[in-house]
Amino acid sequence: MPLNPRFEFADPAFDPWGDHPAWPKVEKAIRMLHYGTILILALTIFAYLAIFGDLGISLSGFLPGILKYAFLVYLTGLCLVSVVADAVVVRGLKQRRPWAWIAALVLFAMDAGSLLFLPMSIIGFIQLGDPEVRAAFDGLDRTSGSAGPQSTR
């Protein structure tokens, strides 16, 4: 049985997006979340190499003693939280959960504080702020007038 590209572990017959016109925009926002997580991971690895490796960069004047290790613990924690948040939010977005849409906006807002992440945040905001995408997560598909997925609480 071939895997469904959007849901690796879900029933292939159940696809909450189907041929919805908003899916490409959500998919682009998901890629921006992934790029942000990869960038945080790369920065964490670079910080480890700069402090413990031989990159020719001396952080001894910038971060003396124990602050180096505190900085690495902070970066490691940030990296782990980013990976987990990315995984949870992306899974929710793929399942058209309204909380995931809000959580993705929050993640993009947090990333927007850094110039390094700003382009990805802007692209993510534009994609998720589209009226078509918002309607898809409201539970009412305004493009066709039919009701979208409803909560099963």
N, C-alpha and C. Protein backbone atom coordinates (compact mmCIF):
# COMPACT_ATOMS: atom_id res chain seq x y z
N MET A 1 0.85 -1.17 0.00
CA MET A 1 0.00 0.00 0.00
C MET A 1 0.90 1.24 0.00
N PRO A 2 0.76 2.14 -0.97
CA PRO A 2 1.62 3.33 -1.02
C PRO A 2 1.27 4.31 0.09
N LEU A 3 2.28 5.04 0.53
CA LEU A 3 2.08 6.01 1.59
C LEU A 3 1.44 7.28 1.03
N ASN A 4 0.55 7.86 1.80
CA ASN A 4 -0.04 9.13 1.44
C ASN A 4 1.02 10.20 1.72
N PRO A 5 1.36 11.08 0.79
CA PRO A 5 2.45 12.03 1.01
C PRO A 5 2.18 13.03 2.12
N ARG A 6 0.94 13.25 2.48
CA ARG A 6 0.64 14.23 3.52
C ARG A 6 0.54 13.60 4.89
N PHE A 7 0.21 12.33 4.98
CA PHE A 7 0.04 11.65 6.26
C PHE A 7 0.71 10.29 6.19
N GLU A 8 1.86 10.17 6.79
CA GLU A 8 2.59 8.92 6.71
C GLU A 8 1.88 7.79 7.43
N PHE A 9 1.20 8.10 8.55
CA PHE A 9 0.62 7.04 9.37
C PHE A 9 -0.91 7.02 9.32
N ALA A 10 -1.50 7.91 8.55
CA ALA A 10 -2.95 7.99 8.49
C ALA A 10 -3.52 7.08 7.41
N ASP A 11 -4.80 6.88 7.48
CA ASP A 11 -5.50 6.11 6.46
C ASP A 11 -5.46 6.89 5.16
N PRO A 12 -4.92 6.32 4.09
CA PRO A 12 -4.82 7.07 2.83
C PRO A 12 -6.17 7.53 2.28
N ALA A 13 -7.25 6.87 2.67
CA ALA A 13 -8.56 7.28 2.18
C ALA A 13 -9.03 8.57 2.84
N PHE A 14 -8.50 8.87 4.02
CA PHE A 14 -8.88 10.09 4.75
C PHE A 14 -7.84 11.17 4.49
N ASP A 15 -8.22 12.18 3.76
CA ASP A 15 -7.34 13.30 3.48
C ASP A 15 -8.14 14.58 3.70
N PRO A 16 -7.95 15.28 4.82
CA PRO A 16 -8.77 16.45 5.10
C PRO A 16 -8.56 17.60 4.11
N TRP A 17 -7.48 17.58 3.35
CA TRP A 17 -7.25 18.66 2.39
C TRP A 17 -7.81 18.34 1.02
N GLY A 18 -7.76 17.08 0.64
CA GLY A 18 -8.26 16.71 -0.68
C GLY A 18 -7.63 17.57 -1.77
N ASP A 19 -8.45 18.16 -2.61
CA ASP A 19 -7.96 19.06 -3.65
C ASP A 19 -8.25 20.51 -3.28
N HIS A 20 -8.21 20.81 -2.00
CA HIS A 20 -8.53 22.17 -1.53
C HIS A 20 -7.54 23.17 -2.13
N PRO A 21 -8.01 24.31 -2.63
CA PRO A 21 -7.11 25.28 -3.27
C PRO A 21 -6.14 25.95 -2.30
N ALA A 22 -6.37 25.85 -1.00
CA ALA A 22 -5.48 26.49 -0.03
C ALA A 22 -4.28 25.62 0.33
N TRP A 23 -4.30 24.34 -0.05
CA TRP A 23 -3.21 23.44 0.36
C TRP A 23 -1.83 23.91 -0.07
N PRO A 24 -1.59 24.39 -1.30
CA PRO A 24 -0.24 24.82 -1.66
C PRO A 24 0.29 25.95 -0.77
N LYS A 25 -0.58 26.83 -0.31
CA LYS A 25 -0.15 27.92 0.58
C LYS A 25 0.21 27.37 1.95
N VAL A 26 -0.57 26.44 2.45
CA VAL A 26 -0.26 25.83 3.74
C VAL A 26 1.04 25.04 3.63
N GLU A 27 1.22 24.36 2.50
CA GLU A 27 2.44 23.59 2.28
C GLU A 27 3.68 24.50 2.28
N LYS A 28 3.55 25.68 1.70
CA LYS A 28 4.66 26.64 1.69
C LYS A 28 4.95 27.16 3.10
N ALA A 29 3.90 27.40 3.88
CA ALA A 29 4.09 27.82 5.27
C ALA A 29 4.78 26.72 6.08
N ILE A 30 4.42 25.47 5.82
CA ILE A 30 5.05 24.34 6.50
C ILE A 30 6.54 24.30 6.16
N ARG A 31 6.87 24.53 4.89
CA ARG A 31 8.29 24.56 4.50
C ARG A 31 9.03 25.67 5.25
N MET A 32 8.40 26.83 5.44
CA MET A 32 9.05 27.93 6.16
C MET A 32 9.29 27.55 7.62
N LEU A 33 8.34 26.83 8.23
CA LEU A 33 8.55 26.35 9.60
C LEU A 33 9.73 25.39 9.65
N HIS A 34 9.81 24.49 8.67
CA HIS A 34 10.93 23.55 8.62
C HIS A 34 12.26 24.28 8.42
N TYR A 35 12.30 25.27 7.55
CA TYR A 35 13.54 26.02 7.31
C TYR A 35 13.99 26.74 8.58
N GLY A 36 13.05 27.29 9.33
CA GLY A 36 13.40 27.95 10.59
C GLY A 36 14.01 26.97 11.59
N THR A 37 13.43 25.78 11.66
CA THR A 37 13.96 24.76 12.58
C THR A 37 15.35 24.31 12.15
N ILE A 38 15.54 24.13 10.86
CA ILE A 38 16.86 23.73 10.35
C ILE A 38 17.89 24.82 10.63
N LEU A 39 17.50 26.07 10.50
CA LEU A 39 18.41 27.18 10.77
C LEU A 39 18.80 27.24 12.24
N ILE A 40 17.85 27.01 13.13
CA ILE A 40 18.17 26.98 14.57
C ILE A 40 19.12 25.82 14.88
N LEU A 41 18.88 24.68 14.26
CA LEU A 41 19.76 23.53 14.45
C LEU A 41 21.17 23.84 13.95
N ALA A 42 21.27 24.48 12.78
CA ALA A 42 22.58 24.83 12.23
C ALA A 42 23.30 25.84 13.12
N LEU A 43 22.58 26.81 13.65
CA LEU A 43 23.20 27.79 14.56
C LEU A 43 23.69 27.13 15.84
N THR A 44 22.94 26.16 16.33
CA THR A 44 23.35 25.45 17.54
C THR A 44 24.62 24.64 17.28
N ILE A 45 24.67 23.95 16.16
CA ILE A 45 25.87 23.18 15.82
C ILE A 45 27.06 24.12 15.63
N PHE A 46 26.85 25.25 14.97
CA PHE A 46 27.93 26.23 14.78
C PHE A 46 28.43 26.75 16.12
N ALA A 47 27.53 27.01 17.07
CA ALA A 47 27.94 27.50 18.39
C ALA A 47 28.78 26.44 19.11
N TYR A 48 28.38 25.18 19.04
CA TYR A 48 29.17 24.12 19.65
C TYR A 48 30.57 24.05 19.02
N LEU A 49 30.63 24.14 17.69
CA LEU A 49 31.92 24.08 17.03
C LEU A 49 32.77 25.31 17.34
N ALA A 50 32.15 26.46 17.47
CA ALA A 50 32.90 27.68 17.77
C ALA A 50 33.49 27.64 19.16
N ILE A 51 32.79 27.02 20.09
CA ILE A 51 33.28 26.98 21.47
C ILE A 51 34.24 25.82 21.69
N PHE A 52 33.90 24.64 21.18
CA PHE A 52 34.71 23.46 21.45
C PHE A 52 35.60 23.05 20.29
N GLY A 53 35.28 23.48 19.10
CA GLY A 53 36.04 23.07 17.92
C GLY A 53 37.15 24.03 17.60
N ASP A 54 37.74 23.82 16.46
CA ASP A 54 38.84 24.66 16.01
C ASP A 54 38.42 25.41 14.75
N LEU A 55 37.52 26.38 14.92
CA LEU A 55 37.06 27.17 13.78
C LEU A 55 37.85 28.47 13.64
N GLY A 56 38.76 28.70 14.57
CA GLY A 56 39.51 29.95 14.52
C GLY A 56 38.74 31.12 15.10
N ILE A 57 37.61 30.82 15.76
CA ILE A 57 36.81 31.87 16.37
C ILE A 57 37.01 31.77 17.88
N SER A 58 37.35 32.86 18.49
CA SER A 58 37.56 32.86 19.93
C SER A 58 36.41 33.58 20.61
N LEU A 59 35.66 32.83 21.39
CA LEU A 59 34.56 33.42 22.14
C LEU A 59 34.94 33.66 23.59
N SER A 60 36.21 33.49 23.93
CA SER A 60 36.62 33.63 25.32
C SER A 60 36.47 35.07 25.81
N GLY A 61 36.67 36.04 24.95
CA GLY A 61 36.49 37.43 25.36
C GLY A 61 35.03 37.82 25.39
N PHE A 62 34.22 37.16 24.58
CA PHE A 62 32.80 37.49 24.49
C PHE A 62 31.99 36.80 25.59
N LEU A 63 32.26 35.52 25.81
CA LEU A 63 31.55 34.75 26.83
C LEU A 63 32.56 34.09 27.76
N PRO A 64 32.86 34.70 28.88
CA PRO A 64 33.84 34.12 29.79
C PRO A 64 33.27 32.94 30.59
N GLY A 65 34.11 31.96 30.83
CA GLY A 65 33.85 30.85 31.75
C GLY A 65 32.53 30.15 31.60
N ILE A 66 31.77 30.17 32.69
CA ILE A 66 30.54 29.40 32.79
C ILE A 66 29.45 29.91 31.85
N LEU A 67 29.56 31.16 31.40
CA LEU A 67 28.55 31.70 30.50
C LEU A 67 28.55 30.98 29.16
N LYS A 68 29.71 30.47 28.76
CA LYS A 68 29.76 29.69 27.52
C LYS A 68 28.84 28.48 27.61
N TYR A 69 28.92 27.79 28.73
CA TYR A 69 28.12 26.58 28.90
C TYR A 69 26.64 26.91 29.09
N ALA A 70 26.35 28.00 29.77
CA ALA A 70 24.96 28.43 29.91
C ALA A 70 24.38 28.78 28.54
N PHE A 71 25.17 29.43 27.71
CA PHE A 71 24.74 29.77 26.36
C PHE A 71 24.46 28.51 25.55
N LEU A 72 25.30 27.51 25.67
CA LEU A 72 25.09 26.26 24.94
C LEU A 72 23.86 25.51 25.44
N VAL A 73 23.63 25.53 26.74
CA VAL A 73 22.44 24.88 27.28
C VAL A 73 21.19 25.59 26.77
N TYR A 74 21.23 26.92 26.73
CA TYR A 74 20.10 27.70 26.21
C TYR A 74 19.86 27.35 24.73
N LEU A 75 20.90 27.34 23.93
CA LEU A 75 20.74 27.03 22.51
C LEU A 75 20.23 25.61 22.29
N THR A 76 20.72 24.68 23.07
CA THR A 76 20.27 23.30 22.95
C THR A 76 18.79 23.18 23.30
N GLY A 77 18.38 23.83 24.37
CA GLY A 77 16.97 23.83 24.76
C GLY A 77 16.10 24.48 23.70
N LEU A 78 16.56 25.61 23.15
CA LEU A 78 15.83 26.28 22.09
C LEU A 78 15.69 25.38 20.87
N CYS A 79 16.75 24.68 20.54
CA CYS A 79 16.73 23.78 19.39
C CYS A 79 15.74 22.64 19.62
N LEU A 80 15.75 22.04 20.78
CA LEU A 80 14.84 20.93 21.07
C LEU A 80 13.38 21.39 21.08
N VAL A 81 13.12 22.53 21.70
CA VAL A 81 11.76 23.06 21.72
C VAL A 81 11.29 23.38 20.30
N SER A 82 12.19 23.92 19.50
CA SER A 82 11.84 24.26 18.12
C SER A 82 11.50 23.01 17.32
N VAL A 83 12.26 21.96 17.48
CA VAL A 83 12.02 20.71 16.74
C VAL A 83 10.67 20.10 17.14
N VAL A 84 10.40 20.06 18.44
CA VAL A 84 9.14 19.48 18.91
C VAL A 84 7.95 20.34 18.47
N ALA A 85 8.08 21.66 18.64
CA ALA A 85 6.98 22.55 18.23
C ALA A 85 6.72 22.44 16.73
N ASP A 86 7.78 22.38 15.96
CA ASP A 86 7.63 22.24 14.51
C ASP A 86 6.88 20.96 14.17
N ALA A 87 7.25 19.86 14.78
CA ALA A 87 6.61 18.58 14.48
C ALA A 87 5.14 18.59 14.85
N VAL A 88 4.81 19.12 16.02
CA VAL A 88 3.43 19.12 16.49
C VAL A 88 2.57 20.04 15.63
N VAL A 89 3.07 21.24 15.35
CA VAL A 89 2.29 22.21 14.58
C VAL A 89 2.11 21.74 13.14
N VAL A 90 3.13 21.18 12.54
CA VAL A 90 3.01 20.71 11.17
C VAL A 90 1.99 19.58 11.08
N ARG A 91 2.01 18.68 12.02
CA ARG A 91 1.02 17.59 12.01
C ARG A 91 -0.39 18.15 12.14
N GLY A 92 -0.56 19.16 13.01
CA GLY A 92 -1.87 19.79 13.16
C GLY A 92 -2.31 20.53 11.90
N LEU A 93 -1.37 21.20 11.24
CA LEU A 93 -1.70 21.90 10.00
C LEU A 93 -2.15 20.92 8.92
N LYS A 94 -1.46 19.80 8.85
CA LYS A 94 -1.82 18.80 7.85
C LYS A 94 -3.20 18.19 8.11
N GLN A 95 -3.62 18.22 9.38
CA GLN A 95 -4.93 17.68 9.73
C GLN A 95 -6.01 18.76 9.83
N ARG A 96 -5.67 19.99 9.42
CA ARG A 96 -6.59 21.14 9.41
C ARG A 96 -7.15 21.44 10.79
N ARG A 97 -6.31 21.43 11.80
CA ARG A 97 -6.72 21.77 13.15
C ARG A 97 -6.61 23.28 13.34
N PRO A 98 -7.67 23.94 13.84
CA PRO A 98 -7.61 25.40 14.03
C PRO A 98 -6.52 25.84 15.00
N TRP A 99 -6.24 25.06 16.04
CA TRP A 99 -5.19 25.43 16.99
C TRP A 99 -3.83 25.45 16.32
N ALA A 100 -3.62 24.61 15.32
CA ALA A 100 -2.33 24.55 14.62
C ALA A 100 -2.10 25.81 13.79
N TRP A 101 -3.18 26.34 13.23
CA TRP A 101 -3.07 27.58 12.46
C TRP A 101 -2.62 28.71 13.38
N ILE A 102 -3.22 28.79 14.56
CA ILE A 102 -2.86 29.83 15.53
C ILE A 102 -1.43 29.60 16.03
N ALA A 103 -1.07 28.35 16.33
CA ALA A 103 0.27 28.04 16.81
C ALA A 103 1.33 28.37 15.76
N ALA A 104 1.03 28.13 14.49
CA ALA A 104 1.97 28.47 13.42
C ALA A 104 2.17 29.98 13.35
N LEU A 105 1.10 30.74 13.50
CA LEU A 105 1.23 32.20 13.52
C LEU A 105 2.08 32.66 14.70
N VAL A 106 1.90 32.02 15.86
CA VAL A 106 2.70 32.36 17.04
C VAL A 106 4.17 32.04 16.79
N LEU A 107 4.47 30.89 16.20
CA LEU A 107 5.86 30.53 15.90
C LEU A 107 6.48 31.52 14.92
N PHE A 108 5.72 31.92 13.90
CA PHE A 108 6.24 32.91 12.95
C PHE A 108 6.45 34.25 13.63
N ALA A 109 5.57 34.63 14.56
CA ALA A 109 5.73 35.90 15.28
C ALA A 109 6.97 35.86 16.17
N MET A 110 7.23 34.71 16.79
CA MET A 110 8.43 34.60 17.63
C MET A 110 9.70 34.67 16.78
N ASP A 111 9.66 34.08 15.61
CA ASP A 111 10.83 34.11 14.73
C ASP A 111 11.06 35.48 14.11
N ALA A 112 10.01 36.28 13.99
CA ALA A 112 10.12 37.59 13.33
C ALA A 112 11.00 38.56 14.11
N GLY A 113 11.30 38.26 15.36
CA GLY A 113 12.14 39.14 16.16
C GLY A 113 13.59 39.15 15.73
N SER A 114 14.00 38.21 14.91
CA SER A 114 15.38 38.13 14.45
C SER A 114 15.43 38.41 12.95
N LEU A 115 16.38 39.21 12.55
CA LEU A 115 16.52 39.52 11.13
C LEU A 115 16.84 38.28 10.31
N LEU A 116 17.47 37.31 10.92
CA LEU A 116 17.82 36.08 10.22
C LEU A 116 16.57 35.28 9.84
N PHE A 117 15.55 35.31 10.69
CA PHE A 117 14.34 34.55 10.46
C PHE A 117 13.22 35.39 9.84
N LEU A 118 13.43 36.69 9.70
CA LEU A 118 12.38 37.59 9.22
C LEU A 118 11.81 37.23 7.85
N PRO A 119 12.64 36.90 6.85
CA PRO A 119 12.04 36.55 5.55
C PRO A 119 11.12 35.33 5.63
N MET A 120 11.51 34.32 6.39
CA MET A 120 10.67 33.13 6.53
C MET A 120 9.37 33.46 7.26
N SER A 121 9.46 34.34 8.25
CA SER A 121 8.27 34.74 8.99
C SER A 121 7.30 35.52 8.11
N ILE A 122 7.82 36.41 7.31
CA ILE A 122 6.96 37.19 6.42
C ILE A 122 6.25 36.27 5.43
N ILE A 123 6.99 35.35 4.84
CA ILE A 123 6.38 34.42 3.89
C ILE A 123 5.32 33.56 4.59
N GLY A 124 5.62 33.10 5.79
CA GLY A 124 4.66 32.30 6.55
C GLY A 124 3.40 33.08 6.89
N PHE A 125 3.56 34.34 7.31
CA PHE A 125 2.39 35.18 7.61
C PHE A 125 1.54 35.40 6.37
N ILE A 126 2.19 35.67 5.25
CA ILE A 126 1.45 35.92 4.01
C ILE A 126 0.67 34.67 3.61
N GLN A 127 1.30 33.51 3.70
CA GLN A 127 0.63 32.27 3.29
C GLN A 127 -0.53 31.92 4.22
N LEU A 128 -0.31 32.02 5.54
CA LEU A 128 -1.36 31.63 6.48
C LEU A 128 -2.43 32.71 6.65
N GLY A 129 -2.10 33.95 6.30
CA GLY A 129 -3.07 35.04 6.41
C GLY A 129 -4.00 35.15 5.22
N ASP A 130 -3.78 34.37 4.22
CA ASP A 130 -4.63 34.39 3.03
C ASP A 130 -6.07 34.01 3.44
N PRO A 131 -7.06 34.74 2.93
CA PRO A 131 -8.45 34.43 3.31
C PRO A 131 -8.87 32.99 3.01
N GLU A 132 -8.34 32.43 1.95
CA GLU A 132 -8.66 31.04 1.59
C GLU A 132 -8.15 30.07 2.66
N VAL A 133 -6.94 30.34 3.16
CA VAL A 133 -6.35 29.48 4.19
C VAL A 133 -7.08 29.67 5.51
N ARG A 134 -7.37 30.91 5.85
CA ARG A 134 -8.11 31.18 7.09
C ARG A 134 -9.45 30.48 7.09
N ALA A 135 -10.13 30.52 5.95
CA ALA A 135 -11.43 29.86 5.85
C ALA A 135 -11.30 28.35 6.00
N ALA A 136 -10.22 27.80 5.49
CA ALA A 136 -10.01 26.35 5.60
C ALA A 136 -9.85 25.92 7.05
N PHE A 137 -9.28 26.78 7.89
CA PHE A 137 -9.09 26.44 9.29
C PHE A 137 -10.23 26.90 10.18
N ASP A 138 -11.15 27.71 9.64
CA ASP A 138 -12.32 28.14 10.42
C ASP A 138 -13.34 27.02 10.56
N GLY A 139 -13.26 26.02 9.71
CA GLY A 139 -14.23 24.95 9.73
C GLY A 139 -15.33 25.16 8.71
N LEU A 140 -15.33 26.33 8.05
CA LEU A 140 -16.30 26.60 7.01
C LEU A 140 -15.54 26.92 5.75
N ASP A 141 -15.71 26.11 4.74
CA ASP A 141 -15.02 26.30 3.48
C ASP A 141 -15.78 27.34 2.67
N ARG A 142 -15.34 28.60 2.72
CA ARG A 142 -16.07 29.69 2.08
C ARG A 142 -15.90 29.68 0.56
N THR A 143 -14.95 28.91 0.06
CA THR A 143 -14.75 28.89 -1.39
C THR A 143 -15.83 28.09 -2.09
N SER A 144 -16.34 27.04 -1.42
CA SER A 144 -17.37 26.23 -2.07
C SER A 144 -18.70 26.30 -1.33
N GLY A 145 -18.71 26.90 -0.15
CA GLY A 145 -19.95 27.02 0.61
C GLY A 145 -20.28 25.80 1.45
N SER A 146 -19.46 24.77 1.38
CA SER A 146 -19.75 23.56 2.16
C SER A 146 -18.97 23.62 3.47
N ALA A 147 -19.45 22.87 4.42
CA ALA A 147 -18.80 22.84 5.72
C ALA A 147 -17.54 22.01 5.63
N GLY A 148 -16.51 22.48 6.27
CA GLY A 148 -15.23 21.77 6.29
C GLY A 148 -15.21 20.78 7.44
N PRO A 149 -14.03 20.37 7.86
CA PRO A 149 -13.94 19.39 8.94
C PRO A 149 -14.39 20.02 10.25
N GLN A 150 -15.18 19.29 10.99
CA GLN A 150 -15.69 19.77 12.26
C GLN A 150 -14.93 19.06 13.38
N SER A 151 -14.88 19.68 14.54
CA SER A 151 -14.23 19.11 15.70
C SER A 151 -14.99 17.88 16.15
N THR A 152 -14.28 16.86 16.60
CA THR A 152 -14.90 15.62 17.05
C THR A 152 -14.86 15.50 18.55
N ARG A 153 -15.05 16.59 19.25
CA ARG A 153 -15.03 16.55 20.72
C ARG A 153 -16.29 16.00 21.28
